[in-house]
Amino acid sequence: MKAKPTRKELTPKEQVIKEAMKIDSDDIVTMTFKVPRELQQGYKMEALKNSESMTDAFITHMKSYIKN
């Protein structure tokens, strides 16, 4: 009878990163984010105000966050 391989315990942060980055193909990476409901509503309102998609509003905020 073979022993089960030992699995490395992932930290919660590593689990989130692993779950967030799922490779669909060689060039496309799907990233998922969990944000508080208030923040999500803020992105939705920003998108409606600027007549853009919610994804574009989120990307704009992420770019400004990364630069700071």
PDB file of N, CA and C in Angstrom:
ATOM      1  N   MET A   1       0.844  -1.172   0.000  1.00  0.00           N
ATOM      2  CA  MET A   1       0.000   0.000   0.000  1.00  0.00           C
ATOM      3  C   MET A   1       0.895   1.241   0.000  1.00  0.00           C
ATOM      4  N   LYS A   2       0.631   2.141  -0.953  1.00  0.00           N
ATOM      5  CA  LYS A   2       1.442   3.344  -1.072  1.00  0.00           C
ATOM      6  C   LYS A   2       0.966   4.413  -0.105  1.00  0.00           C
ATOM      7  N   ALA A   3       1.926   5.161   0.402  1.00  0.00           N
ATOM      8  CA  ALA A   3       1.602   6.272   1.294  1.00  0.00           C
ATOM      9  C   ALA A   3       1.156   7.458   0.452  1.00  0.00           C
ATOM     10  N   LYS A   4       0.251   8.238   1.000  1.00  0.00           N
ATOM     11  CA  LYS A   4      -0.198   9.432   0.297  1.00  0.00           C
ATOM     12  C   LYS A   4       0.937  10.445   0.262  1.00  0.00           C
ATOM     13  N   PRO A   5       1.069  11.148  -0.851  1.00  0.00           N
ATOM     14  CA  PRO A   5       2.126  12.175  -0.893  1.00  0.00           C
ATOM     15  C   PRO A   5       1.807  13.291   0.094  1.00  0.00           C
ATOM     16  N   THR A   6       2.842  13.809   0.690  1.00  0.00           N
ATOM     17  CA  THR A   6       2.628  14.899   1.645  1.00  0.00           C
ATOM     18  C   THR A   6       2.355  16.181   0.869  1.00  0.00           C
ATOM     19  N   ARG A   7       1.422  16.928   1.340  1.00  0.00           N
ATOM     20  CA  ARG A   7       1.068  18.192   0.695  1.00  0.00           C
ATOM     21  C   ARG A   7       1.568  19.345   1.544  1.00  0.00           C
ATOM     22  N   LYS A   8       2.109  20.331   0.858  1.00  0.00           N
ATOM     23  CA  LYS A   8       2.597  21.513   1.554  1.00  0.00           C
ATOM     24  C   LYS A   8       1.399  22.374   1.954  1.00  0.00           C
ATOM     25  N   GLU A   9       1.368  22.781   3.198  1.00  0.00           N
ATOM     26  CA  GLU A   9       0.307  23.664   3.674  1.00  0.00           C
ATOM     27  C   GLU A   9       0.523  25.056   3.083  1.00  0.00           C
ATOM     28  N   LEU A  10      -0.484  25.563   2.402  1.00  0.00           N
ATOM     29  CA  LEU A  10      -0.398  26.903   1.836  1.00  0.00           C
ATOM     30  C   LEU A  10      -0.955  27.906   2.836  1.00  0.00           C
ATOM     31  N   THR A  11      -0.301  29.050   2.892  1.00  0.00           N
ATOM     32  CA  THR A  11      -0.821  30.128   3.741  1.00  0.00           C
ATOM     33  C   THR A  11      -2.080  30.675   3.084  1.00  0.00           C
ATOM     34  N   PRO A  12      -2.923  31.358   3.829  1.00  0.00           N
ATOM     35  CA  PRO A  12      -4.130  31.942   3.217  1.00  0.00           C
ATOM     36  C   PRO A  12      -3.797  32.856   2.035  1.00  0.00           C
ATOM     37  N   LYS A  13      -2.716  33.632   2.154  1.00  0.00           N
ATOM     38  CA  LYS A  13      -2.327  34.525   1.060  1.00  0.00           C
ATOM     39  C   LYS A  13      -1.950  33.720  -0.182  1.00  0.00           C
ATOM     40  N   GLU A  14      -1.190  32.638  -0.004  1.00  0.00           N
ATOM     41  CA  GLU A  14      -0.811  31.786  -1.131  1.00  0.00           C
ATOM     42  C   GLU A  14      -2.035  31.124  -1.753  1.00  0.00           C
ATOM     43  N   GLN A  15      -3.005  30.743  -0.937  1.00  0.00           N
ATOM     44  CA  GLN A  15      -4.233  30.140  -1.456  1.00  0.00           C
ATOM     45  C   GLN A  15      -5.012  31.126  -2.315  1.00  0.00           C
ATOM     46  N   VAL A  16      -5.088  32.396  -1.862  1.00  0.00           N
ATOM     47  CA  VAL A  16      -5.803  33.417  -2.622  1.00  0.00           C
ATOM     48  C   VAL A  16      -5.113  33.662  -3.953  1.00  0.00           C
ATOM     49  N   ILE A  17      -3.778  33.765  -3.927  1.00  0.00           N
ATOM     50  CA  ILE A  17      -3.024  33.998  -5.163  1.00  0.00           C
ATOM     51  C   ILE A  17      -3.198  32.832  -6.119  1.00  0.00           C
ATOM     52  N   LYS A  18      -3.106  31.614  -5.604  1.00  0.00           N
ATOM     53  CA  LYS A  18      -3.259  30.421  -6.449  1.00  0.00           C
ATOM     54  C   LYS A  18      -4.645  30.373  -7.065  1.00  0.00           C
ATOM     55  N   GLU A  19      -5.655  30.720  -6.283  1.00  0.00           N
ATOM     56  CA  GLU A  19      -7.039  30.687  -6.765  1.00  0.00           C
ATOM     57  C   GLU A  19      -7.302  31.827  -7.746  1.00  0.00           C
ATOM     58  N   ALA A  20      -6.669  32.984  -7.500  1.00  0.00           N
ATOM     59  CA  ALA A  20      -6.917  34.162  -8.331  1.00  0.00           C
ATOM     60  C   ALA A  20      -6.294  34.044  -9.711  1.00  0.00           C
ATOM     61  N   MET A  21      -5.191  33.355  -9.834  1.00  0.00           N
ATOM     62  CA  MET A  21      -4.504  33.264 -11.114  1.00  0.00           C
ATOM     63  C   MET A  21      -4.690  31.872 -11.696  1.00  0.00           C
ATOM     64  N   LYS A  22      -5.683  31.746 -12.550  1.00  0.00           N
ATOM     65  CA  LYS A  22      -5.951  30.488 -13.219  1.00  0.00           C
ATOM     66  C   LYS A  22      -5.655  30.687 -14.689  1.00  0.00           C
ATOM     67  N   ILE A  23      -4.767  29.895 -15.216  1.00  0.00           N
ATOM     68  CA  ILE A  23      -4.350  30.064 -16.607  1.00  0.00           C
ATOM     69  C   ILE A  23      -5.342  29.360 -17.521  1.00  0.00           C
ATOM     70  N   ASP A  24      -5.987  30.136 -18.416  1.00  0.00           N
ATOM     71  CA  ASP A  24      -6.921  29.580 -19.385  1.00  0.00           C
ATOM     72  C   ASP A  24      -6.183  29.079 -20.619  1.00  0.00           C
ATOM     73  N   SER A  25      -5.208  29.839 -21.060  1.00  0.00           N
ATOM     74  CA  SER A  25      -4.402  29.463 -22.217  1.00  0.00           C
ATOM     75  C   SER A  25      -3.012  30.044 -22.005  1.00  0.00           C
ATOM     76  N   ASP A  26      -2.176  29.951 -23.007  1.00  0.00           N
ATOM     77  CA  ASP A  26      -0.808  30.440 -22.862  1.00  0.00           C
ATOM     78  C   ASP A  26      -0.744  31.954 -22.672  1.00  0.00           C
ATOM     79  N   ASP A  27      -1.673  32.691 -23.274  1.00  0.00           N
ATOM     80  CA  ASP A  27      -1.602  34.144 -23.260  1.00  0.00           C
ATOM     81  C   ASP A  27      -2.595  34.811 -22.326  1.00  0.00           C
ATOM     82  N   ILE A  28      -3.618  34.095 -21.892  1.00  0.00           N
ATOM     83  CA  ILE A  28      -4.686  34.711 -21.108  1.00  0.00           C
ATOM     84  C   ILE A  28      -4.644  34.183 -19.685  1.00  0.00           C
ATOM     85  N   VAL A  29      -4.695  35.108 -18.740  1.00  0.00           N
ATOM     86  CA  VAL A  29      -4.746  34.750 -17.325  1.00  0.00           C
ATOM     87  C   VAL A  29      -6.009  35.357 -16.738  1.00  0.00           C
ATOM     88  N   THR A  30      -6.795  34.543 -16.069  1.00  0.00           N
ATOM     89  CA  THR A  30      -8.002  35.021 -15.412  1.00  0.00           C
ATOM     90  C   THR A  30      -7.666  35.324 -13.960  1.00  0.00           C
ATOM     91  N   MET A  31      -7.950  36.555 -13.538  1.00  0.00           N
ATOM     92  CA  MET A  31      -7.701  36.941 -12.159  1.00  0.00           C
ATOM     93  C   MET A  31      -9.038  37.299 -11.530  1.00  0.00           C
ATOM     94  N   THR A  32      -9.291  36.755 -10.362  1.00  0.00           N
ATOM     95  CA  THR A  32     -10.528  37.082  -9.653  1.00  0.00           C
ATOM     96  C   THR A  32     -10.178  37.835  -8.387  1.00  0.00           C
ATOM     97  N   PHE A  33     -11.026  38.773  -8.019  1.00  0.00           N
ATOM     98  CA  PHE A  33     -10.794  39.586  -6.838  1.00  0.00           C
ATOM     99  C   PHE A  33     -12.033  39.583  -5.981  1.00  0.00           C
ATOM    100  N   LYS A  34     -11.836  39.578  -4.695  1.00  0.00           N
ATOM    101  CA  LYS A  34     -12.938  39.741  -3.766  1.00  0.00           C
ATOM    102  C   LYS A  34     -12.780  41.113  -3.124  1.00  0.00           C
ATOM    103  N   VAL A  35     -13.805  41.936  -3.269  1.00  0.00           N
ATOM    104  CA  VAL A  35     -13.777  43.275  -2.696  1.00  0.00           C
ATOM    105  C   VAL A  35     -15.031  43.462  -1.851  1.00  0.00           C
ATOM    106  N   PRO A  36     -14.971  44.346  -0.858  1.00  0.00           N
ATOM    107  CA  PRO A  36     -16.163  44.631  -0.060  1.00  0.00           C
ATOM    108  C   PRO A  36     -17.292  45.179  -0.938  1.00  0.00           C
ATOM    109  N   ARG A  37     -18.524  44.931  -0.524  1.00  0.00           N
ATOM    110  CA  ARG A  37     -19.689  45.352  -1.304  1.00  0.00           C
ATOM    111  C   ARG A  37     -19.689  46.866  -1.544  1.00  0.00           C
ATOM    112  N   GLU A  38     -19.280  47.646  -0.546  1.00  0.00           N
ATOM    113  CA  GLU A  38     -19.260  49.100  -0.711  1.00  0.00           C
ATOM    114  C   GLU A  38     -18.292  49.519  -1.815  1.00  0.00           C
ATOM    115  N   LEU A  39     -17.148  48.860  -1.863  1.00  0.00           N
ATOM    116  CA  LEU A  39     -16.151  49.170  -2.892  1.00  0.00           C
ATOM    117  C   LEU A  39     -16.675  48.789  -4.268  1.00  0.00           C
ATOM    118  N   GLN A  40     -17.342  47.654  -4.353  1.00  0.00           N
ATOM    119  CA  GLN A  40     -17.914  47.209  -5.618  1.00  0.00           C
ATOM    120  C   GLN A  40     -18.979  48.195  -6.097  1.00  0.00           C
ATOM    121  N   GLN A  41     -19.783  48.689  -5.171  1.00  0.00           N
ATOM    122  CA  GLN A  41     -20.807  49.683  -5.525  1.00  0.00           C
ATOM    123  C   GLN A  41     -20.145  50.981  -5.991  1.00  0.00           C
ATOM    124  N   GLY A  42     -19.019  51.327  -5.379  1.00  0.00           N
ATOM    125  CA  GLY A  42     -18.276  52.518  -5.797  1.00  0.00           C
ATOM    126  C   GLY A  42     -17.760  52.383  -7.219  1.00  0.00           C
ATOM    127  N   TYR A  43     -17.229  51.209  -7.566  1.00  0.00           N
ATOM    128  CA  TYR A  43     -16.764  50.965  -8.939  1.00  0.00           C
ATOM    129  C   TYR A  43     -17.932  51.062  -9.921  1.00  0.00           C
ATOM    130  N   LYS A  44     -19.090  50.531  -9.514  1.00  0.00           N
ATOM    131  CA  LYS A  44     -20.264  50.557 -10.387  1.00  0.00           C
ATOM    132  C   LYS A  44     -20.714  51.997 -10.629  1.00  0.00           C
ATOM    133  N   MET A  45     -20.746  52.804  -9.578  1.00  0.00           N
ATOM    134  CA  MET A  45     -21.160  54.199  -9.724  1.00  0.00           C
ATOM    135  C   MET A  45     -20.154  54.984 -10.559  1.00  0.00           C
ATOM    136  N   GLU A  46     -18.870  54.732 -10.353  1.00  0.00           N
ATOM    137  CA  GLU A  46     -17.824  55.403 -11.141  1.00  0.00           C
ATOM    138  C   GLU A  46     -17.961  55.047 -12.618  1.00  0.00           C
ATOM    139  N   ALA A  47     -18.248  53.781 -12.908  1.00  0.00           N
ATOM    140  CA  ALA A  47     -18.411  53.339 -14.289  1.00  0.00           C
ATOM    141  C   ALA A  47     -19.620  54.010 -14.932  1.00  0.00           C
ATOM    142  N   LEU A  48     -20.730  54.095 -14.186  1.00  0.00           N
ATOM    143  CA  LEU A  48     -21.934  54.737 -14.731  1.00  0.00           C
ATOM    144  C   LEU A  48     -21.696  56.218 -14.983  1.00  0.00           C
ATOM    145  N   LYS A  49     -20.960  56.869 -14.060  1.00  0.00           N
ATOM    146  CA  LYS A  49     -20.692  58.301 -14.182  1.00  0.00           C
ATOM    147  C   LYS A  49     -19.860  58.603 -15.425  1.00  0.00           C
ATOM    148  N   ASN A  50     -18.889  57.743 -15.719  1.00  0.00           N
ATOM    149  CA  ASN A  50     -17.990  57.971 -16.850  1.00  0.00           C
ATOM    150  C   ASN A  50     -18.419  57.237 -18.117  1.00  0.00           C
ATOM    151  N   SER A  51     -19.575  56.587 -18.091  1.00  0.00           N
ATOM    152  CA  SER A  51     -20.089  55.822 -19.242  1.00  0.00           C
ATOM    153  C   SER A  51     -19.081  54.792 -19.738  1.00  0.00           C
ATOM    154  N   GLU A  52     -18.519  54.029 -18.825  1.00  0.00           N
ATOM    155  CA  GLU A  52     -17.588  52.966 -19.187  1.00  0.00           C
ATOM    156  C   GLU A  52     -18.013  51.683 -18.492  1.00  0.00           C
ATOM    157  N   SER A  53     -17.350  50.593 -18.826  1.00  0.00           N
ATOM    158  CA  SER A  53     -17.700  49.329 -18.178  1.00  0.00           C
ATOM    159  C   SER A  53     -17.122  49.295 -16.767  1.00  0.00           C
ATOM    160  N   MET A  54     -17.685  48.439 -15.948  1.00  0.00           N
ATOM    161  CA  MET A  54     -17.209  48.318 -14.570  1.00  0.00           C
ATOM    162  C   MET A  54     -15.768  47.804 -14.547  1.00  0.00           C
ATOM    163  N   THR A  55     -15.426  46.955 -15.509  1.00  0.00           N
ATOM    164  CA  THR A  55     -14.057  46.443 -15.604  1.00  0.00           C
ATOM    165  C   THR A  55     -13.075  47.582 -15.847  1.00  0.00           C
ATOM    166  N   ASP A  56     -13.439  48.501 -16.742  1.00  0.00           N
ATOM    167  CA  ASP A  56     -12.564  49.647 -17.015  1.00  0.00           C
ATOM    168  C   ASP A  56     -12.391  50.520 -15.784  1.00  0.00           C
ATOM    169  N   ALA A  57     -13.466  50.718 -15.031  1.00  0.00           N
ATOM    170  CA  ALA A  57     -13.379  51.514 -13.804  1.00  0.00           C
ATOM    171  C   ALA A  57     -12.462  50.829 -12.800  1.00  0.00           C
ATOM    172  N   PHE A  58     -12.580  49.518 -12.673  1.00  0.00           N
ATOM    173  CA  PHE A  58     -11.728  48.758 -11.749  1.00  0.00           C
ATOM    174  C   PHE A  58     -10.265  48.833 -12.174  1.00  0.00           C
ATOM    175  N   ILE A  59     -10.004  48.695 -13.462  1.00  0.00           N
ATOM    176  CA  ILE A  59      -8.623  48.757 -13.976  1.00  0.00           C
ATOM    177  C   ILE A  59      -8.024  50.133 -13.713  1.00  0.00           C
ATOM    178  N   THR A  60      -8.818  51.187 -13.927  1.00  0.00           N
ATOM    179  CA  THR A  60      -8.343  52.549 -13.665  1.00  0.00           C
ATOM    180  C   THR A  60      -7.936  52.715 -12.204  1.00  0.00           C
ATOM    181  N   HIS A  61      -8.782  52.219 -11.292  1.00  0.00           N
ATOM    182  CA  HIS A  61      -8.468  52.323  -9.868  1.00  0.00           C
ATOM    183  C   HIS A  61      -7.247  51.484  -9.505  1.00  0.00           C
ATOM    184  N   MET A  62      -7.112  50.298 -10.095  1.00  0.00           N
ATOM    185  CA  MET A  62      -5.958  49.438  -9.802  1.00  0.00           C
ATOM    186  C   MET A  62      -4.667  50.087 -10.287  1.00  0.00           C
ATOM    187  N   LYS A  63      -4.702  50.691 -11.459  1.00  0.00           N
ATOM    188  CA  LYS A  63      -3.510  51.358 -11.982  1.00  0.00           C
ATOM    189  C   LYS A  63      -3.085  52.499 -11.075  1.00  0.00           C
ATOM    190  N   SER A  64      -4.047  53.291 -10.604  1.00  0.00           N
ATOM    191  CA  SER A  64      -3.705  54.397  -9.715  1.00  0.00           C
ATOM    192  C   SER A  64      -3.199  53.886  -8.376  1.00  0.00           C
ATOM    193  N   TYR A  65      -3.737  52.769  -7.900  1.00  0.00           N
ATOM    194  CA  TYR A  65      -3.287  52.159  -6.646  1.00  0.00           C
ATOM    195  C   TYR A  65      -1.863  51.639  -6.782  1.00  0.00           C
ATOM    196  N   ILE A  66      -1.546  51.019  -7.908  1.00  0.00           N
ATOM    197  CA  ILE A  66      -0.205  50.453  -8.123  1.00  0.00           C
ATOM    198  C   ILE A  66       0.832  51.566  -8.222  1.00  0.00           C
ATOM    199  N   LYS A  67       0.477  52.677  -8.864  1.00  0.00           N
ATOM    200  CA  LYS A  67       1.422  53.781  -9.008  1.00  0.00           C
ATOM    201  C   LYS A  67       1.772  54.422  -7.678  1.00  0.00           C
ATOM    202  N   ASN A  68       0.834  54.392  -6.720  1.00  0.00           N
ATOM    203  CA  ASN A  68       1.069  55.019  -5.403  1.00  0.00           C
ATOM    204  C   ASN A  68       1.749  54.104  -4.505  1.00  0.00           C
TER     205      ASN A  68
END
